[in-house]
Amino acid sequence: MSKEVVENYYKDNKALYTVTIDENKRIKTVNEIRNLIGDENSMAGSAVNTSIATQATTKEVSKIILFIIPLYLAILMLTLTSWFEPILLLGSIGIAIKLNQGTNLIFGTISFVTNAAGNVL
């Protein structure tokens, strides 16, 4: 390559790389690049933003579910006459979530936001 082109990507002993990432391997690839370059370097782009958002959403939804299930059980135990009804209700909600995830296979792909919100709702 010409010296002018190289100067645009390499200055002060630092390099700028452009990487194209497969959509299906976005999170894994971004994490591997982050491990390779370390925390002192930076990354930018839509793949990085989507990867970070996906991981943060998954983490937050897990925390919400761990908080909501005991609260839900406590409310149902106090308001229902049978101890088995809350378990039955939670089981039916779990089955409904799994059915919803299964019907999403028809579309091939689904947004991570839709998947997370569907489970919480």
PDB file of N, CA and C in Angstrom:
ATOM      1  N   MET A   1       0.834  -1.176   0.000  1.00  0.00           N
ATOM      2  CA  MET A   1       0.000   0.000   0.000  1.00  0.00           C
ATOM      3  C   MET A   1       0.878   1.238   0.000  1.00  0.00           C
ATOM      4  N   SER A   2       0.304   2.304  -0.456  1.00  0.00           N
ATOM      5  CA  SER A   2       1.071   3.544  -0.484  1.00  0.00           C
ATOM      6  C   SER A   2       1.263   4.078   0.930  1.00  0.00           C
ATOM      7  N   LYS A   3       2.269   4.895   1.085  1.00  0.00           N
ATOM      8  CA  LYS A   3       2.601   5.452   2.391  1.00  0.00           C
ATOM      9  C   LYS A   3       1.458   6.326   2.936  1.00  0.00           C
ATOM     10  N   GLU A   4       0.766   7.019   2.065  1.00  0.00           N
ATOM     11  CA  GLU A   4      -0.335   7.890   2.482  1.00  0.00           C
ATOM     12  C   GLU A   4      -1.498   7.085   3.080  1.00  0.00           C
ATOM     13  N   VAL A   5      -1.801   5.953   2.474  1.00  0.00           N
ATOM     14  CA  VAL A   5      -2.878   5.107   2.987  1.00  0.00           C
ATOM     15  C   VAL A   5      -2.495   4.521   4.338  1.00  0.00           C
ATOM     16  N   VAL A   6      -1.279   4.046   4.460  1.00  0.00           N
ATOM     17  CA  VAL A   6      -0.812   3.446   5.705  1.00  0.00           C
ATOM     18  C   VAL A   6      -0.802   4.479   6.826  1.00  0.00           C
ATOM     19  N   GLU A   7      -0.447   5.709   6.534  1.00  0.00           N
ATOM     20  CA  GLU A   7      -0.403   6.754   7.554  1.00  0.00           C
ATOM     21  C   GLU A   7      -1.787   7.029   8.147  1.00  0.00           C
ATOM     22  N   ASN A   8      -2.845   6.804   7.381  1.00  0.00           N
ATOM     23  CA  ASN A   8      -4.188   7.015   7.894  1.00  0.00           C
ATOM     24  C   ASN A   8      -4.584   5.968   8.934  1.00  0.00           C
ATOM     25  N   TYR A   9      -3.962   4.790   8.894  1.00  0.00           N
ATOM     26  CA  TYR A   9      -4.321   3.702   9.796  1.00  0.00           C
ATOM     27  C   TYR A   9      -3.263   3.384  10.845  1.00  0.00           C
ATOM     28  N   TYR A  10      -2.116   4.013  10.761  1.00  0.00           N
ATOM     29  CA  TYR A  10      -1.040   3.698  11.697  1.00  0.00           C
ATOM     30  C   TYR A  10      -0.295   4.979  12.047  1.00  0.00           C
ATOM     31  N   LYS A  11      -0.483   5.445  13.290  1.00  0.00           N
ATOM     32  CA  LYS A  11       0.184   6.671  13.743  1.00  0.00           C
ATOM     33  C   LYS A  11       0.647   6.488  15.179  1.00  0.00           C
ATOM     34  N   ASP A  12       1.793   7.042  15.500  1.00  0.00           N
ATOM     35  CA  ASP A  12       2.341   7.026  16.860  1.00  0.00           C
ATOM     36  C   ASP A  12       2.370   5.625  17.459  1.00  0.00           C
ATOM     37  N   ASN A  13       2.788   4.654  16.672  1.00  0.00           N
ATOM     38  CA  ASN A  13       2.863   3.255  17.093  1.00  0.00           C
ATOM     39  C   ASN A  13       1.513   2.679  17.523  1.00  0.00           C
ATOM     40  N   LYS A  14       0.447   3.207  16.986  1.00  0.00           N
ATOM     41  CA  LYS A  14      -0.895   2.698  17.245  1.00  0.00           C
ATOM     42  C   LYS A  14      -1.575   2.445  15.909  1.00  0.00           C
ATOM     43  N   ALA A  15      -2.361   1.356  15.860  1.00  0.00           N
ATOM     44  CA  ALA A  15      -3.002   0.970  14.608  1.00  0.00           C
ATOM     45  C   ALA A  15      -4.515   1.087  14.722  1.00  0.00           C
ATOM     46  N   LEU A  16      -5.141   1.409  13.595  1.00  0.00           N
ATOM     47  CA  LEU A  16      -6.590   1.446  13.494  1.00  0.00           C
ATOM     48  C   LEU A  16      -7.000   0.340  12.540  1.00  0.00           C
ATOM     49  N   TYR A  17      -7.859  -0.561  13.021  1.00  0.00           N
ATOM     50  CA  TYR A  17      -8.306  -1.671  12.207  1.00  0.00           C
ATOM     51  C   TYR A  17      -9.801  -1.546  11.933  1.00  0.00           C
ATOM     52  N   THR A  18     -10.202  -1.974  10.776  1.00  0.00           N
ATOM     53  CA  THR A  18     -11.605  -2.087  10.431  1.00  0.00           C
ATOM     54  C   THR A  18     -11.917  -3.566  10.324  1.00  0.00           C
ATOM     55  N   VAL A  19     -12.934  -4.008  11.078  1.00  0.00           N
ATOM     56  CA  VAL A  19     -13.263  -5.429  11.138  1.00  0.00           C
ATOM     57  C   VAL A  19     -14.719  -5.610  10.728  1.00  0.00           C
ATOM     58  N   THR A  20     -14.962  -6.597   9.888  1.00  0.00           N
ATOM     59  CA  THR A  20     -16.322  -6.965   9.520  1.00  0.00           C
ATOM     60  C   THR A  20     -16.681  -8.233  10.283  1.00  0.00           C
ATOM     61  N   ILE A  21     -17.848  -8.193  10.966  1.00  0.00           N
ATOM     62  CA  ILE A  21     -18.244  -9.288  11.850  1.00  0.00           C
ATOM     63  C   ILE A  21     -19.522  -9.922  11.337  1.00  0.00           C
ATOM     64  N   ASP A  22     -19.567 -11.250  11.370  1.00  0.00           N
ATOM     65  CA  ASP A  22     -20.778 -11.996  11.024  1.00  0.00           C
ATOM     66  C   ASP A  22     -21.845 -11.722  12.084  1.00  0.00           C
ATOM     67  N   GLU A  23     -23.060 -11.411  11.649  1.00  0.00           N
ATOM     68  CA  GLU A  23     -24.147 -11.083  12.578  1.00  0.00           C
ATOM     69  C   GLU A  23     -24.423 -12.188  13.578  1.00  0.00           C
ATOM     70  N   ASN A  24     -24.332 -13.421  13.154  1.00  0.00           N
ATOM     71  CA  ASN A  24     -24.642 -14.552  14.030  1.00  0.00           C
ATOM     72  C   ASN A  24     -23.590 -14.791  15.102  1.00  0.00           C
ATOM     73  N   LYS A  25     -22.400 -14.237  14.915  1.00  0.00           N
ATOM     74  CA  LYS A  25     -21.301 -14.442  15.862  1.00  0.00           C
ATOM     75  C   LYS A  25     -20.864 -13.127  16.502  1.00  0.00           C
ATOM     76  N   ARG A  26     -21.761 -12.151  16.529  1.00  0.00           N
ATOM     77  CA  ARG A  26     -21.428 -10.797  16.959  1.00  0.00           C
ATOM     78  C   ARG A  26     -20.896 -10.743  18.386  1.00  0.00           C
ATOM     79  N   ILE A  27     -21.632 -11.295  19.337  1.00  0.00           N
ATOM     80  CA  ILE A  27     -21.249 -11.186  20.746  1.00  0.00           C
ATOM     81  C   ILE A  27     -19.930 -11.899  21.012  1.00  0.00           C
ATOM     82  N   LYS A  28     -19.812 -13.115  20.505  1.00  0.00           N
ATOM     83  CA  LYS A  28     -18.587 -13.897  20.712  1.00  0.00           C
ATOM     84  C   LYS A  28     -17.381 -13.187  20.102  1.00  0.00           C
ATOM     85  N   THR A  29     -17.547 -12.657  18.895  1.00  0.00           N
ATOM     86  CA  THR A  29     -16.438 -12.002  18.212  1.00  0.00           C
ATOM     87  C   THR A  29     -16.021 -10.726  18.930  1.00  0.00           C
ATOM     88  N   VAL A  30     -16.985  -9.913  19.340  1.00  0.00           N
ATOM     89  CA  VAL A  30     -16.656  -8.669  20.052  1.00  0.00           C
ATOM     90  C   VAL A  30     -15.944  -8.980  21.364  1.00  0.00           C
ATOM     91  N   ASN A  31     -16.396  -9.994  22.085  1.00  0.00           N
ATOM     92  CA  ASN A  31     -15.730 -10.372  23.338  1.00  0.00           C
ATOM     93  C   ASN A  31     -14.311 -10.878  23.092  1.00  0.00           C
ATOM     94  N   GLU A  32     -14.118 -11.637  22.031  1.00  0.00           N
ATOM     95  CA  GLU A  32     -12.772 -12.137  21.719  1.00  0.00           C
ATOM     96  C   GLU A  32     -11.839 -10.999  21.313  1.00  0.00           C
ATOM     97  N   ILE A  33     -12.350 -10.048  20.547  1.00  0.00           N
ATOM     98  CA  ILE A  33     -11.530  -8.887  20.173  1.00  0.00           C
ATOM     99  C   ILE A  33     -11.181  -8.075  21.413  1.00  0.00           C
ATOM    100  N   ARG A  34     -12.164  -7.894  22.304  1.00  0.00           N
ATOM    101  CA  ARG A  34     -11.916  -7.150  23.553  1.00  0.00           C
ATOM    102  C   ARG A  34     -10.831  -7.847  24.377  1.00  0.00           C
ATOM    103  N   ASN A  35     -10.880  -9.162  24.473  1.00  0.00           N
ATOM    104  CA  ASN A  35      -9.845  -9.910  25.207  1.00  0.00           C
ATOM    105  C   ASN A  35      -8.489  -9.752  24.538  1.00  0.00           C
ATOM    106  N   LEU A  36      -8.484  -9.695  23.220  1.00  0.00           N
ATOM    107  CA  LEU A  36      -7.235  -9.575  22.465  1.00  0.00           C
ATOM    108  C   LEU A  36      -6.599  -8.199  22.627  1.00  0.00           C
ATOM    109  N   ILE A  37      -7.390  -7.139  22.525  1.00  0.00           N
ATOM    110  CA  ILE A  37      -6.822  -5.783  22.552  1.00  0.00           C
ATOM    111  C   ILE A  37      -6.683  -5.230  23.961  1.00  0.00           C
ATOM    112  N   GLY A  38      -7.433  -5.775  24.913  1.00  0.00           N
ATOM    113  CA  GLY A  38      -7.347  -5.309  26.295  1.00  0.00           C
ATOM    114  C   GLY A  38      -8.236  -4.104  26.551  1.00  0.00           C
ATOM    115  N   ASP A  39      -8.293  -3.709  27.821  1.00  0.00           N
ATOM    116  CA  ASP A  39      -9.161  -2.607  28.220  1.00  0.00           C
ATOM    117  C   ASP A  39      -8.587  -1.230  27.913  1.00  0.00           C
ATOM    118  N   GLU A  40      -7.291  -1.148  27.666  1.00  0.00           N
ATOM    119  CA  GLU A  40      -6.679   0.153  27.392  1.00  0.00           C
ATOM    120  C   GLU A  40      -6.939   0.635  25.958  1.00  0.00           C
ATOM    121  N   ASN A  41      -7.477  -0.222  25.127  1.00  0.00           N
ATOM    122  CA  ASN A  41      -7.813   0.139  23.754  1.00  0.00           C
ATOM    123  C   ASN A  41      -9.324   0.284  23.625  1.00  0.00           C
ATOM    124  N   SER A  42      -9.775   0.779  22.483  1.00  0.00           N
ATOM    125  CA  SER A  42     -11.216   1.002  22.337  1.00  0.00           C
ATOM    126  C   SER A  42     -11.737   0.393  21.043  1.00  0.00           C
ATOM    127  N   MET A  43     -13.059   0.169  21.058  1.00  0.00           N
ATOM    128  CA  MET A  43     -13.757  -0.342  19.884  1.00  0.00           C
ATOM    129  C   MET A  43     -15.000   0.508  19.698  1.00  0.00           C
ATOM    130  N   ALA A  44     -15.455   0.605  18.459  1.00  0.00           N
ATOM    131  CA  ALA A  44     -16.663   1.365  18.163  1.00  0.00           C
ATOM    132  C   ALA A  44     -17.372   0.722  16.986  1.00  0.00           C
ATOM    133  N   GLY A  45     -18.661   0.991  16.887  1.00  0.00           N
ATOM    134  CA  GLY A  45     -19.421   0.495  15.753  1.00  0.00           C
ATOM    135  C   GLY A  45     -20.718  -0.152  16.197  1.00  0.00           C
ATOM    136  N   SER A  46     -21.534  -0.483  15.218  1.00  0.00           N
ATOM    137  CA  SER A  46     -22.851  -1.048  15.524  1.00  0.00           C
ATOM    138  C   SER A  46     -22.748  -2.435  16.143  1.00  0.00           C
ATOM    139  N   ALA A  47     -21.795  -3.247  15.719  1.00  0.00           N
ATOM    140  CA  ALA A  47     -21.633  -4.584  16.302  1.00  0.00           C
ATOM    141  C   ALA A  47     -21.270  -4.484  17.776  1.00  0.00           C
ATOM    142  N   VAL A  48     -20.410  -3.555  18.117  1.00  0.00           N
ATOM    143  CA  VAL A  48     -20.006  -3.361  19.515  1.00  0.00           C
ATOM    144  C   VAL A  48     -21.196  -2.878  20.335  1.00  0.00           C
ATOM    145  N   ASN A  49     -21.925  -1.896  19.809  1.00  0.00           N
ATOM    146  CA  ASN A  49     -23.090  -1.368  20.528  1.00  0.00           C
ATOM    147  C   ASN A  49     -24.150  -2.439  20.755  1.00  0.00           C
ATOM    148  N   THR A  50     -24.431  -3.233  19.728  1.00  0.00           N
ATOM    149  CA  THR A  50     -25.432  -4.287  19.853  1.00  0.00           C
ATOM    150  C   THR A  50     -24.979  -5.355  20.834  1.00  0.00           C
ATOM    151  N   SER A  51     -23.717  -5.717  20.801  1.00  0.00           N
ATOM    152  CA  SER A  51     -23.184  -6.721  21.717  1.00  0.00           C
ATOM    153  C   SER A  51     -23.295  -6.261  23.168  1.00  0.00           C
ATOM    154  N   ILE A  52     -22.910  -5.031  23.420  1.00  0.00           N
ATOM    155  CA  ILE A  52     -22.983  -4.495  24.783  1.00  0.00           C
ATOM    156  C   ILE A  52     -24.433  -4.415  25.243  1.00  0.00           C
ATOM    157  N   ALA A  53     -25.322  -3.948  24.382  1.00  0.00           N
ATOM    158  CA  ALA A  53     -26.736  -3.841  24.742  1.00  0.00           C
ATOM    159  C   ALA A  53     -27.339  -5.209  25.013  1.00  0.00           C
ATOM    160  N   THR A  54     -26.992  -6.192  24.200  1.00  0.00           N
ATOM    161  CA  THR A  54     -27.515  -7.546  24.387  1.00  0.00           C
ATOM    162  C   THR A  54     -27.072  -8.125  25.721  1.00  0.00           C
ATOM    163  N   GLN A  55     -25.803  -7.993  26.024  1.00  0.00           N
ATOM    164  CA  GLN A  55     -25.284  -8.544  27.268  1.00  0.00           C
ATOM    165  C   GLN A  55     -25.867  -7.820  28.475  1.00  0.00           C
ATOM    166  N   ALA A  56     -25.998  -6.496  28.401  1.00  0.00           N
ATOM    167  CA  ALA A  56     -26.558  -5.732  29.515  1.00  0.00           C
ATOM    168  C   ALA A  56     -28.031  -6.075  29.725  1.00  0.00           C
ATOM    169  N   THR A  57     -28.781  -6.203  28.638  1.00  0.00           N
ATOM    170  CA  THR A  57     -30.198  -6.534  28.746  1.00  0.00           C
ATOM    171  C   THR A  57     -30.386  -7.910  29.357  1.00  0.00           C
ATOM    172  N   THR A  58     -29.616  -8.873  28.907  1.00  0.00           N
ATOM    173  CA  THR A  58     -29.708 -10.228  29.450  1.00  0.00           C
ATOM    174  C   THR A  58     -29.406 -10.243  30.941  1.00  0.00           C
ATOM    175  N   LYS A  59     -28.379  -9.509  31.341  1.00  0.00           N
ATOM    176  CA  LYS A  59     -27.993  -9.442  32.749  1.00  0.00           C
ATOM    177  C   LYS A  59     -29.087  -8.782  33.589  1.00  0.00           C
ATOM    178  N   GLU A  60     -29.641  -7.684  33.095  1.00  0.00           N
ATOM    179  CA  GLU A  60     -30.678  -6.971  33.841  1.00  0.00           C
ATOM    180  C   GLU A  60     -31.973  -7.782  33.945  1.00  0.00           C
ATOM    181  N   VAL A  61     -32.346  -8.453  32.871  1.00  0.00           N
ATOM    182  CA  VAL A  61     -33.559  -9.267  32.895  1.00  0.00           C
ATOM    183  C   VAL A  61     -33.397 -10.410  33.896  1.00  0.00           C
ATOM    184  N   SER A  62     -32.222 -10.994  33.968  1.00  0.00           N
ATOM    185  CA  SER A  62     -31.980 -12.060  34.949  1.00  0.00           C
ATOM    186  C   SER A  62     -32.155 -11.543  36.372  1.00  0.00           C
ATOM    187  N   LYS A  63     -31.650 -10.336  36.633  1.00  0.00           N
ATOM    188  CA  LYS A  63     -31.806  -9.743  37.967  1.00  0.00           C
ATOM    189  C   LYS A  63     -33.281  -9.472  38.267  1.00  0.00           C
ATOM    190  N   ILE A  64     -34.010  -8.964  37.275  1.00  0.00           N
ATOM    191  CA  ILE A  64     -35.431  -8.673  37.468  1.00  0.00           C
ATOM    192  C   ILE A  64     -36.199  -9.948  37.786  1.00  0.00           C
ATOM    193  N   ILE A  65     -35.927 -10.998  37.037  1.00  0.00           N
ATOM    194  CA  ILE A  65     -36.635 -12.263  37.249  1.00  0.00           C
ATOM    195  C   ILE A  65     -36.332 -12.830  38.628  1.00  0.00           C
ATOM    196  N   LEU A  66     -35.083 -12.744  39.067  1.00  0.00           N
ATOM    197  CA  LEU A  66     -34.727 -13.245  40.398  1.00  0.00           C
ATOM    198  C   LEU A  66     -35.403 -12.441  41.506  1.00  0.00           C
ATOM    199  N   PHE A  67     -35.750 -11.201  41.243  1.00  0.00           N
ATOM    200  CA  PHE A  67     -36.453 -10.373  42.215  1.00  0.00           C
ATOM    201  C   PHE A  67     -37.957 -10.605  42.158  1.00  0.00           C
ATOM    202  N   ILE A  68     -38.494 -10.755  40.956  1.00  0.00           N
ATOM    203  CA  ILE A  68     -39.940 -10.835  40.762  1.00  0.00           C
ATOM    204  C   ILE A  68     -40.522 -12.173  41.211  1.00  0.00           C
ATOM    205  N   ILE A  69     -39.852 -13.281  40.933  1.00  0.00           N
ATOM    206  CA  ILE A  69     -40.418 -14.600  41.250  1.00  0.00           C
ATOM    207  C   ILE A  69     -40.698 -14.758  42.747  1.00  0.00           C
ATOM    208  N   PRO A  70     -39.753 -14.437  43.639  1.00  0.00           N
ATOM    209  CA  PRO A  70     -40.093 -14.558  45.076  1.00  0.00           C
ATOM    210  C   PRO A  70     -41.202 -13.586  45.502  1.00  0.00           C
ATOM    211  N   LEU A  71     -41.193 -12.383  44.944  1.00  0.00           N
ATOM    212  CA  LEU A  71     -42.244 -11.424  45.261  1.00  0.00           C
ATOM    213  C   LEU A  71     -43.601 -11.936  44.789  1.00  0.00           C
ATOM    214  N   TYR A  72     -43.637 -12.459  43.591  1.00  0.00           N
ATOM    215  CA  TYR A  72     -44.856 -13.032  43.017  1.00  0.00           C
ATOM    216  C   TYR A  72     -45.365 -14.192  43.881  1.00  0.00           C
ATOM    217  N   LEU A  73     -44.460 -15.063  44.266  1.00  0.00           N
ATOM    218  CA  LEU A  73     -44.836 -16.196  45.118  1.00  0.00           C
ATOM    219  C   LEU A  73     -45.377 -15.726  46.469  1.00  0.00           C
ATOM    220  N   ALA A  74     -44.735 -14.728  47.069  1.00  0.00           N
ATOM    221  CA  ALA A  74     -45.174 -14.228  48.365  1.00  0.00           C
ATOM    222  C   ALA A  74     -46.579 -13.632  48.277  1.00  0.00           C
ATOM    223  N   ILE A  75     -46.821 -12.835  47.249  1.00  0.00           N
ATOM    224  CA  ILE A  75     -48.143 -12.230  47.079  1.00  0.00           C
ATOM    225  C   ILE A  75     -49.203 -13.305  46.866  1.00  0.00           C
ATOM    226  N   LEU A  76     -48.896 -14.273  46.017  1.00  0.00           N
ATOM    227  CA  LEU A  76     -49.870 -15.336  45.760  1.00  0.00           C
ATOM    228  C   LEU A  76     -50.108 -16.210  46.978  1.00  0.00           C
ATOM    229  N   MET A  77     -49.069 -16.495  47.752  1.00  0.00           N
ATOM    230  CA  MET A  77     -49.232 -17.318  48.959  1.00  0.00           C
ATOM    231  C   MET A  77     -50.145 -16.619  49.967  1.00  0.00           C
ATOM    232  N   LEU A  78     -50.044 -15.282  50.041  1.00  0.00           N
ATOM    233  CA  LEU A  78     -50.871 -14.531  50.985  1.00  0.00           C
ATOM    234  C   LEU A  78     -52.320 -14.395  50.523  1.00  0.00           C
ATOM    235  N   THR A  79     -52.525 -14.380  49.223  1.00  0.00           N
ATOM    236  CA  THR A  79     -53.868 -14.099  48.717  1.00  0.00           C
ATOM    237  C   THR A  79     -54.666 -15.336  48.328  1.00  0.00           C
ATOM    238  N   LEU A  80     -54.018 -16.434  48.052  1.00  0.00           N
ATOM    239  CA  LEU A  80     -54.735 -17.648  47.637  1.00  0.00           C
ATOM    240  C   LEU A  80     -54.914 -18.594  48.821  1.00  0.00           C
ATOM    241  N   THR A  81     -55.910 -19.431  48.707  1.00  0.00           N
ATOM    242  CA  THR A  81     -56.222 -20.337  49.818  1.00  0.00           C
ATOM    243  C   THR A  81     -55.393 -21.614  49.811  1.00  0.00           C
ATOM    244  N   SER A  82     -54.883 -21.999  48.671  1.00  0.00           N
ATOM    245  CA  SER A  82     -54.111 -23.232  48.570  1.00  0.00           C
ATOM    246  C   SER A  82     -52.642 -22.896  48.308  1.00  0.00           C
ATOM    247  N   TRP A  83     -51.725 -23.654  48.887  1.00  0.00           N
ATOM    248  CA  TRP A  83     -50.304 -23.429  48.663  1.00  0.00           C
ATOM    249  C   TRP A  83     -49.863 -23.915  47.286  1.00  0.00           C
ATOM    250  N   PHE A  84     -50.639 -24.788  46.672  1.00  0.00           N
ATOM    251  CA  PHE A  84     -50.260 -25.352  45.369  1.00  0.00           C
ATOM    252  C   PHE A  84     -50.615 -24.427  44.200  1.00  0.00           C
ATOM    253  N   GLU A  85     -51.598 -23.545  44.379  1.00  0.00           N
ATOM    254  CA  GLU A  85     -52.025 -22.658  43.293  1.00  0.00           C
ATOM    255  C   GLU A  85     -50.910 -21.738  42.784  1.00  0.00           C
ATOM    256  N   PRO A  86     -50.098 -21.115  43.657  1.00  0.00           N
ATOM    257  CA  PRO A  86     -49.000 -20.282  43.141  1.00  0.00           C
ATOM    258  C   PRO A  86     -48.004 -21.071  42.295  1.00  0.00           C
ATOM    259  N   ILE A  87     -47.728 -22.295  42.707  1.00  0.00           N
ATOM    260  CA  ILE A  87     -46.803 -23.140  41.949  1.00  0.00           C
ATOM    261  C   ILE A  87     -47.414 -23.495  40.599  1.00  0.00           C
ATOM    262  N   LEU A  88     -48.698 -23.794  40.609  1.00  0.00           N
ATOM    263  CA  LEU A  88     -49.401 -24.097  39.368  1.00  0.00           C
ATOM    264  C   LEU A  88     -49.410 -22.893  38.423  1.00  0.00           C
ATOM    265  N   LEU A  89     -49.659 -21.707  38.965  1.00  0.00           N
ATOM    266  CA  LEU A  89     -49.652 -20.491  38.146  1.00  0.00           C
ATOM    267  C   LEU A  89     -48.259 -20.210  37.571  1.00  0.00           C
ATOM    268  N   LEU A  90     -47.229 -20.336  38.404  1.00  0.00           N
ATOM    269  CA  LEU A  90     -45.861 -20.129  37.913  1.00  0.00           C
ATOM    270  C   LEU A  90     -45.504 -21.144  36.831  1.00  0.00           C
ATOM    271  N   GLY A  91     -45.937 -22.385  37.023  1.00  0.00           N
ATOM    272  CA  GLY A  91     -45.679 -23.417  36.017  1.00  0.00           C
ATOM    273  C   GLY A  91     -46.347 -23.095  34.690  1.00  0.00           C
ATOM    274  N   SER A  92     -47.588 -22.625  34.743  1.00  0.00           N
ATOM    275  CA  SER A  92     -48.295 -22.290  33.505  1.00  0.00           C
ATOM    276  C   SER A  92     -47.658 -21.081  32.818  1.00  0.00           C
ATOM    277  N   ILE A  93     -47.178 -20.123  33.601  1.00  0.00           N
ATOM    278  CA  ILE A  93     -46.479 -18.975  33.007  1.00  0.00           C
ATOM    279  C   ILE A  93     -45.178 -19.437  32.353  1.00  0.00           C
ATOM    280  N   GLY A  94     -44.455 -20.336  33.013  1.00  0.00           N
ATOM    281  CA  GLY A  94     -43.214 -20.869  32.434  1.00  0.00           C
ATOM    282  C   GLY A  94     -43.458 -21.595  31.123  1.00  0.00           C
ATOM    283  N   ILE A  95     -44.536 -22.376  31.071  1.00  0.00           N
ATOM    284  CA  ILE A  95     -44.884 -23.083  29.833  1.00  0.00           C
ATOM    285  C   ILE A  95     -45.246 -22.083  28.738  1.00  0.00           C
ATOM    286  N   ALA A  96     -45.984 -21.021  29.098  1.00  0.00           N
ATOM    287  CA  ALA A  96     -46.345 -20.000  28.118  1.00  0.00           C
ATOM    288  C   ALA A  96     -45.102 -19.304  27.560  1.00  0.00           C
ATOM    289  N   ILE A  97     -44.117 -19.034  28.406  1.00  0.00           N
ATOM    290  CA  ILE A  97     -42.864 -18.417  27.943  1.00  0.00           C
ATOM    291  C   ILE A  97     -42.160 -19.340  26.957  1.00  0.00           C
ATOM    292  N   LYS A  98     -42.077 -20.616  27.281  1.00  0.00           N
ATOM    293  CA  LYS A  98     -41.419 -21.577  26.382  1.00  0.00           C
ATOM    294  C   LYS A  98     -42.164 -21.705  25.057  1.00  0.00           C
ATOM    295  N   LEU A  99     -43.488 -21.709  25.099  1.00  0.00           N
ATOM    296  CA  LEU A  99     -44.269 -21.750  23.857  1.00  0.00           C
ATOM    297  C   LEU A  99     -44.026 -20.509  23.017  1.00  0.00           C
ATOM    298  N   ASN A 100     -43.950 -19.356  23.667  1.00  0.00           N
ATOM    299  CA  ASN A 100     -43.680 -18.112  22.949  1.00  0.00           C
ATOM    300  C   ASN A 100     -42.310 -18.163  22.271  1.00  0.00           C
ATOM    301  N   GLN A 101     -41.309 -18.660  22.971  1.00  0.00           N
ATOM    302  CA  GLN A 101     -39.977 -18.783  22.384  1.00  0.00           C
ATOM    303  C   GLN A 101     -39.979 -19.778  21.231  1.00  0.00           C
ATOM    304  N   GLY A 102     -40.764 -20.831  21.350  1.00  0.00           N
ATOM    305  CA  GLY A 102     -40.841 -21.824  20.284  1.00  0.00           C
ATOM    306  C   GLY A 102     -41.513 -21.284  19.041  1.00  0.00           C
ATOM    307  N   THR A 103     -42.567 -20.475  19.212  1.00  0.00           N
ATOM    308  CA  THR A 103     -43.234 -19.902  18.040  1.00  0.00           C
ATOM    309  C   THR A 103     -42.363 -18.870  17.354  1.00  0.00           C
ATOM    310  N   ASN A 104     -41.399 -18.296  18.067  1.00  0.00           N
ATOM    311  CA  ASN A 104     -40.485 -17.339  17.447  1.00  0.00           C
ATOM    312  C   ASN A 104     -39.535 -18.006  16.462  1.00  0.00           C
ATOM    313  N   LEU A 105     -39.401 -19.320  16.546  1.00  0.00           N
ATOM    314  CA  LEU A 105     -38.551 -20.040  15.599  1.00  0.00           C
ATOM    315  C   LEU A 105     -39.092 -19.947  14.170  1.00  0.00           C
ATOM    316  N   ILE A 106     -40.386 -19.700  14.043  1.00  0.00           N
ATOM    317  CA  ILE A 106     -40.994 -19.571  12.721  1.00  0.00           C
ATOM    318  C   ILE A 106     -40.360 -18.416  11.948  1.00  0.00           C
ATOM    319  N   PHE A 107     -40.022 -17.340  12.672  1.00  0.00           N
ATOM    320  CA  PHE A 107     -39.482 -16.147  12.035  1.00  0.00           C
ATOM    321  C   PHE A 107     -37.983 -16.237  11.776  1.00  0.00           C
ATOM    322  N   GLY A 108     -37.321 -17.227  12.293  1.00  0.00           N
ATOM    323  CA  GLY A 108     -35.891 -17.401  12.063  1.00  0.00           C
ATOM    324  C   GLY A 108     -35.041 -16.661  13.070  1.00  0.00           C
ATOM    325  N   THR A 109     -35.255 -15.370  13.200  1.00  0.00           N
ATOM    326  CA  THR A 109     -34.517 -14.568  14.177  1.00  0.00           C
ATOM    327  C   THR A 109     -35.500 -13.696  14.930  1.00  0.00           C
ATOM    328  N   ILE A 110     -35.083 -13.260  16.089  1.00  0.00           N
ATOM    329  CA  ILE A 110     -35.905 -12.376  16.899  1.00  0.00           C
ATOM    330  C   ILE A 110     -34.987 -11.391  17.611  1.00  0.00           C
ATOM    331  N   SER A 111     -35.454 -10.202  17.799  1.00  0.00           N
ATOM    332  CA  SER A 111     -34.690  -9.171  18.472  1.00  0.00           C
ATOM    333  C   SER A 111     -34.426  -9.580  19.915  1.00  0.00           C
ATOM    334  N   PHE A 112     -33.238  -9.255  20.414  1.00  0.00           N
ATOM    335  CA  PHE A 112     -32.923  -9.592  21.800  1.00  0.00           C
ATOM    336  C   PHE A 112     -33.819  -8.817  22.765  1.00  0.00           C
ATOM    337  N   VAL A 113     -34.242  -7.629  22.377  1.00  0.00           N
ATOM    338  CA  VAL A 113     -35.132  -6.837  23.221  1.00  0.00           C
ATOM    339  C   VAL A 113     -36.501  -7.517  23.309  1.00  0.00           C
ATOM    340  N   THR A 114     -37.009  -7.975  22.178  1.00  0.00           N
ATOM    341  CA  THR A 114     -38.287  -8.676  22.147  1.00  0.00           C
ATOM    342  C   THR A 114     -38.219  -9.952  22.984  1.00  0.00           C
ATOM    343  N   ASN A 115     -37.157 -10.688  22.849  1.00  0.00           N
ATOM    344  CA  ASN A 115     -36.994 -11.922  23.611  1.00  0.00           C
ATOM    345  C   ASN A 115     -36.962 -11.650  25.115  1.00  0.00           C
ATOM    346  N   ALA A 116     -36.205 -10.641  25.530  1.00  0.00           N
ATOM    347  CA  ALA A 116     -36.102 -10.316  26.950  1.00  0.00           C
ATOM    348  C   ALA A 116     -37.422  -9.769  27.482  1.00  0.00           C
ATOM    349  N   ALA A 117     -38.040  -8.878  26.748  1.00  0.00           N
ATOM    350  CA  ALA A 117     -39.286  -8.267  27.216  1.00  0.00           C
ATOM    351  C   ALA A 117     -40.409  -9.307  27.252  1.00  0.00           C
ATOM    352  N   GLY A 118     -40.435 -10.199  26.302  1.00  0.00           N
ATOM    353  CA  GLY A 118     -41.475 -11.243  26.272  1.00  0.00           C
ATOM    354  C   GLY A 118     -41.402 -12.136  27.482  1.00  0.00           C
ATOM    355  N   ASN A 119     -40.216 -12.454  27.915  1.00  0.00           N
ATOM    356  CA  ASN A 119     -40.064 -13.319  29.087  1.00  0.00           C
ATOM    357  C   ASN A 119     -40.498 -12.615  30.364  1.00  0.00           C
ATOM    358  N   VAL A 120     -40.176 -11.352  30.496  1.00  0.00           N
ATOM    359  CA  VAL A 120     -40.536 -10.610  31.698  1.00  0.00           C
ATOM    360  C   VAL A 120     -42.034 -10.351  31.732  1.00  0.00           C
ATOM    361  N   LEU A 121     -42.601  -9.990  30.575  1.00  0.00           N
ATOM    362  CA  LEU A 121     -44.036  -9.699  30.557  1.00  0.00           C
ATOM    363  C   LEU A 121     -44.832 -10.957  30.810  1.00  0.00           C
TER     364      LEU A 121
END
